[in-house]
Structure formats: structure tokens, C-alpha cells
Amino acid sequence: SEINEILIEILASLSRTFSNFERRKSWFVDILNKKRQSHPGTKGPGFSEAHFGNLTGALFKHLKTAIDDNDRRHGLVKKFGRSKVAEIEIFLDNIS
């Protein structure tokens, strides 16, 4: 459907902000833990890299499905270019 294709394009664009994956992952984990620590009385373990992996895996699940489908992948290559889709694939490999 058209809505699903728009979602895939949004996720593809968002995934490209993670081109420096390790740096972006560390930043995200740190910011969530700092925000969490700013609330007195918060108990339990903080947000970990494993949590980040679970979150991004769920968030980008539909993009992964699209990349794995040859026709949809071809559409992404036409929209973003082969090198950008290669970057997206590297990102998806990092989170799986």
C-alpha cells in the first residue's frame, strides 16, 4: 500500500542518520540514561546496548523486510541510489 511505502521511505531516511553506528548508539544510550538519572528514585538497570538493539530492531523491522524483497529493494535503489541502499543494509546488519 502507499502508506507502507511512505513508511519504508521514512525509515530508510532515518536509518541513514546512523551511518556512524557505534557513535550514534553510544550517544542514544547515554542520553536515555542521563535523562533517566535526572529523575530521583529511579531504580533498576539503565538502558543498555542490548535495549538499543531491541528497540532499533523493532523500529526498522519493516525496512528490513523491504530490503529483503528484490522488487522493493529495487524501488529503494531507484529512490535513494545504490550506495545509499548499501549504507542502509550495513545499518540493518548492525542491528540484527
C-alpha atoms as a PDB file:
ATOM      1  CA  SER A   1       0.000   0.000   0.000  1.00  0.00           C
ATOM      2  CA  GLU A   2       1.008   3.613  -0.420  1.00  0.00           C
ATOM      3  CA  ILE A   3       1.154   4.221   3.336  1.00  0.00           C
ATOM      4  CA  ASN A   4       3.524   1.280   3.790  1.00  0.00           C
ATOM      5  CA  GLU A   5       5.801   2.587   1.045  1.00  0.00           C
ATOM      6  CA  ILE A   6       5.861   6.035   2.678  1.00  0.00           C
ATOM      7  CA  LEU A   7       6.792   4.373   5.986  1.00  0.00           C
ATOM      8  CA  ILE A   8       9.635   2.491   4.275  1.00  0.00           C
ATOM      9  CA  GLU A   9      10.951   5.740   2.753  1.00  0.00           C
ATOM     10  CA  ILE A  10      10.825   7.464   6.153  1.00  0.00           C
ATOM     11  CA  LEU A  11      12.624   4.549   7.834  1.00  0.00           C
ATOM     12  CA  ALA A  12      15.224   4.482   5.047  1.00  0.00           C
ATOM     13  CA  SER A  13      15.900   8.188   5.550  1.00  0.00           C
ATOM     14  CA  LEU A  14      16.030   7.789   9.328  1.00  0.00           C
ATOM     15  CA  SER A  15      18.390   4.812   9.109  1.00  0.00           C
ATOM     16  CA  ARG A  16      20.913   6.937   7.235  1.00  0.00           C
ATOM     17  CA  THR A  17      21.358   9.098  10.364  1.00  0.00           C
ATOM     18  CA  PHE A  18      23.020   6.040  11.905  1.00  0.00           C
ATOM     19  CA  SER A  19      25.851   5.917   9.346  1.00  0.00           C
ATOM     20  CA  ASN A  20      28.361   6.140  12.204  1.00  0.00           C
ATOM     21  CA  PHE A  21      26.564   3.345  14.025  1.00  0.00           C
ATOM     22  CA  GLU A  22      28.738   2.880  17.135  1.00  0.00           C
ATOM     23  CA  ARG A  23      28.909   6.603  17.822  1.00  0.00           C
ATOM     24  CA  ARG A  24      25.159   7.057  17.348  1.00  0.00           C
ATOM     25  CA  LYS A  25      24.387   4.014  19.505  1.00  0.00           C
ATOM     26  CA  SER A  26      26.588   5.309  22.341  1.00  0.00           C
ATOM     27  CA  TRP A  27      25.002   8.753  22.084  1.00  0.00           C
ATOM     28  CA  PHE A  28      21.483   7.316  22.227  1.00  0.00           C
ATOM     29  CA  VAL A  29      22.207   5.026  25.194  1.00  0.00           C
ATOM     30  CA  ASP A  30      23.959   7.865  27.063  1.00  0.00           C
ATOM     31  CA  ILE A  31      21.176  10.358  26.511  1.00  0.00           C
ATOM     32  CA  LEU A  32      18.496   7.961  27.707  1.00  0.00           C
ATOM     33  CA  ASN A  33      20.479   7.027  30.790  1.00  0.00           C
ATOM     34  CA  LYS A  34      21.214  10.678  31.639  1.00  0.00           C
ATOM     35  CA  LYS A  35      17.531  11.518  31.290  1.00  0.00           C
ATOM     36  CA  ARG A  36      16.660   8.547  33.466  1.00  0.00           C
ATOM     37  CA  GLN A  37      19.194   9.555  36.146  1.00  0.00           C
ATOM     38  CA  SER A  38      17.671  13.026  36.313  1.00  0.00           C
ATOM     39  CA  HIS A  39      14.531  11.528  37.873  1.00  0.00           C
ATOM     40  CA  PRO A  40      15.076  10.890  41.603  1.00  0.00           C
ATOM     41  CA  GLY A  41      14.101   7.461  42.862  1.00  0.00           C
ATOM     42  CA  THR A  42      14.528   5.689  39.543  1.00  0.00           C
ATOM     43  CA  LYS A  43      15.591   2.120  40.251  1.00  0.00           C
ATOM     44  CA  GLY A  44      16.676  -0.858  38.215  1.00  0.00           C
ATOM     45  CA  PRO A  45      19.120  -1.261  35.385  1.00  0.00           C
ATOM     46  CA  GLY A  46      19.545   1.516  32.873  1.00  0.00           C
ATOM     47  CA  PHE A  47      19.078   1.487  29.137  1.00  0.00           C
ATOM     48  CA  SER A  48      21.725  -0.809  27.646  1.00  0.00           C
ATOM     49  CA  GLU A  49      23.160  -1.510  24.218  1.00  0.00           C
ATOM     50  CA  ALA A  50      21.008  -4.654  24.187  1.00  0.00           C
ATOM     51  CA  HIS A  51      17.938  -2.488  24.777  1.00  0.00           C
ATOM     52  CA  PHE A  52      19.066  -0.271  21.906  1.00  0.00           C
ATOM     53  CA  GLY A  53      19.360  -3.322  19.660  1.00  0.00           C
ATOM     54  CA  ASN A  54      15.861  -4.472  20.592  1.00  0.00           C
ATOM     55  CA  LEU A  55      14.426  -1.002  20.029  1.00  0.00           C
ATOM     56  CA  THR A  56      16.058  -0.413  16.654  1.00  0.00           C
ATOM     57  CA  GLY A  57      15.322  -3.970  15.534  1.00  0.00           C
ATOM     58  CA  ALA A  58      11.624  -3.441  16.192  1.00  0.00           C
ATOM     59  CA  LEU A  59      11.603   0.083  14.759  1.00  0.00           C
ATOM     60  CA  PHE A  60      13.291  -0.893  11.494  1.00  0.00           C
ATOM     61  CA  LYS A  61      11.644  -4.319  11.044  1.00  0.00           C
ATOM     62  CA  HIS A  62       9.550  -3.155   8.078  1.00  0.00           C
ATOM     63  CA  LEU A  63      12.598  -1.651   6.365  1.00  0.00           C
ATOM     64  CA  LYS A  64      14.467  -4.939   6.766  1.00  0.00           C
ATOM     65  CA  THR A  65      11.521  -6.771   5.192  1.00  0.00           C
ATOM     66  CA  ALA A  66      11.516  -4.301   2.283  1.00  0.00           C
ATOM     67  CA  ILE A  67      15.275  -4.632   1.705  1.00  0.00           C
ATOM     68  CA  ASP A  68      14.931  -8.425   1.664  1.00  0.00           C
ATOM     69  CA  ASP A  69      12.284  -8.196  -1.110  1.00  0.00           C
ATOM     70  CA  ASN A  70      14.009  -7.753  -4.502  1.00  0.00           C
ATOM     71  CA  ASP A  71      11.273  -5.593  -6.063  1.00  0.00           C
ATOM     72  CA  ARG A  72      11.028  -3.272  -3.080  1.00  0.00           C
ATOM     73  CA  ARG A  73      14.814  -3.102  -2.763  1.00  0.00           C
ATOM     74  CA  HIS A  74      14.983  -2.092  -6.437  1.00  0.00           C
ATOM     75  CA  GLY A  75      12.470   0.699  -5.696  1.00  0.00           C
ATOM     76  CA  LEU A  76      14.682   1.938  -2.860  1.00  0.00           C
ATOM     77  CA  VAL A  77      17.721   1.887  -5.152  1.00  0.00           C
ATOM     78  CA  LYS A  78      15.793   3.992  -7.687  1.00  0.00           C
ATOM     79  CA  LYS A  79      14.720   6.427  -4.947  1.00  0.00           C
ATOM     80  CA  PHE A  80      17.982   6.717  -2.939  1.00  0.00           C
ATOM     81  CA  GLY A  81      20.725   5.267  -5.145  1.00  0.00           C
ATOM     82  CA  ARG A  82      22.749   2.080  -4.849  1.00  0.00           C
ATOM     83  CA  SER A  83      25.348   3.484  -2.425  1.00  0.00           C
ATOM     84  CA  LYS A  84      22.703   4.804   0.000  1.00  0.00           C
ATOM     85  CA  VAL A  85      20.897   1.462  -0.029  1.00  0.00           C
ATOM     86  CA  ALA A  86      24.246  -0.222   0.682  1.00  0.00           C
ATOM     87  CA  GLU A  87      24.608   2.084   3.729  1.00  0.00           C
ATOM     88  CA  ILE A  88      21.095   1.122   4.842  1.00  0.00           C
ATOM     89  CA  GLU A  89      21.992  -2.570   4.520  1.00  0.00           C
ATOM     90  CA  ILE A  90      25.102  -2.058   6.673  1.00  0.00           C
ATOM     91  CA  PHE A  91      22.958  -0.343   9.308  1.00  0.00           C
ATOM     92  CA  LEU A  92      20.424  -3.186   9.238  1.00  0.00           C
ATOM     93  CA  ASP A  93      23.249  -5.713   9.604  1.00  0.00           C
ATOM     94  CA  ASN A  94      24.484  -3.786  12.664  1.00  0.00           C
ATOM     95  CA  ILE A  95      21.136  -4.004  14.418  1.00  0.00           C
ATOM     96  CA  SER A  96      20.333  -7.638  13.629  1.00  0.00           C
END
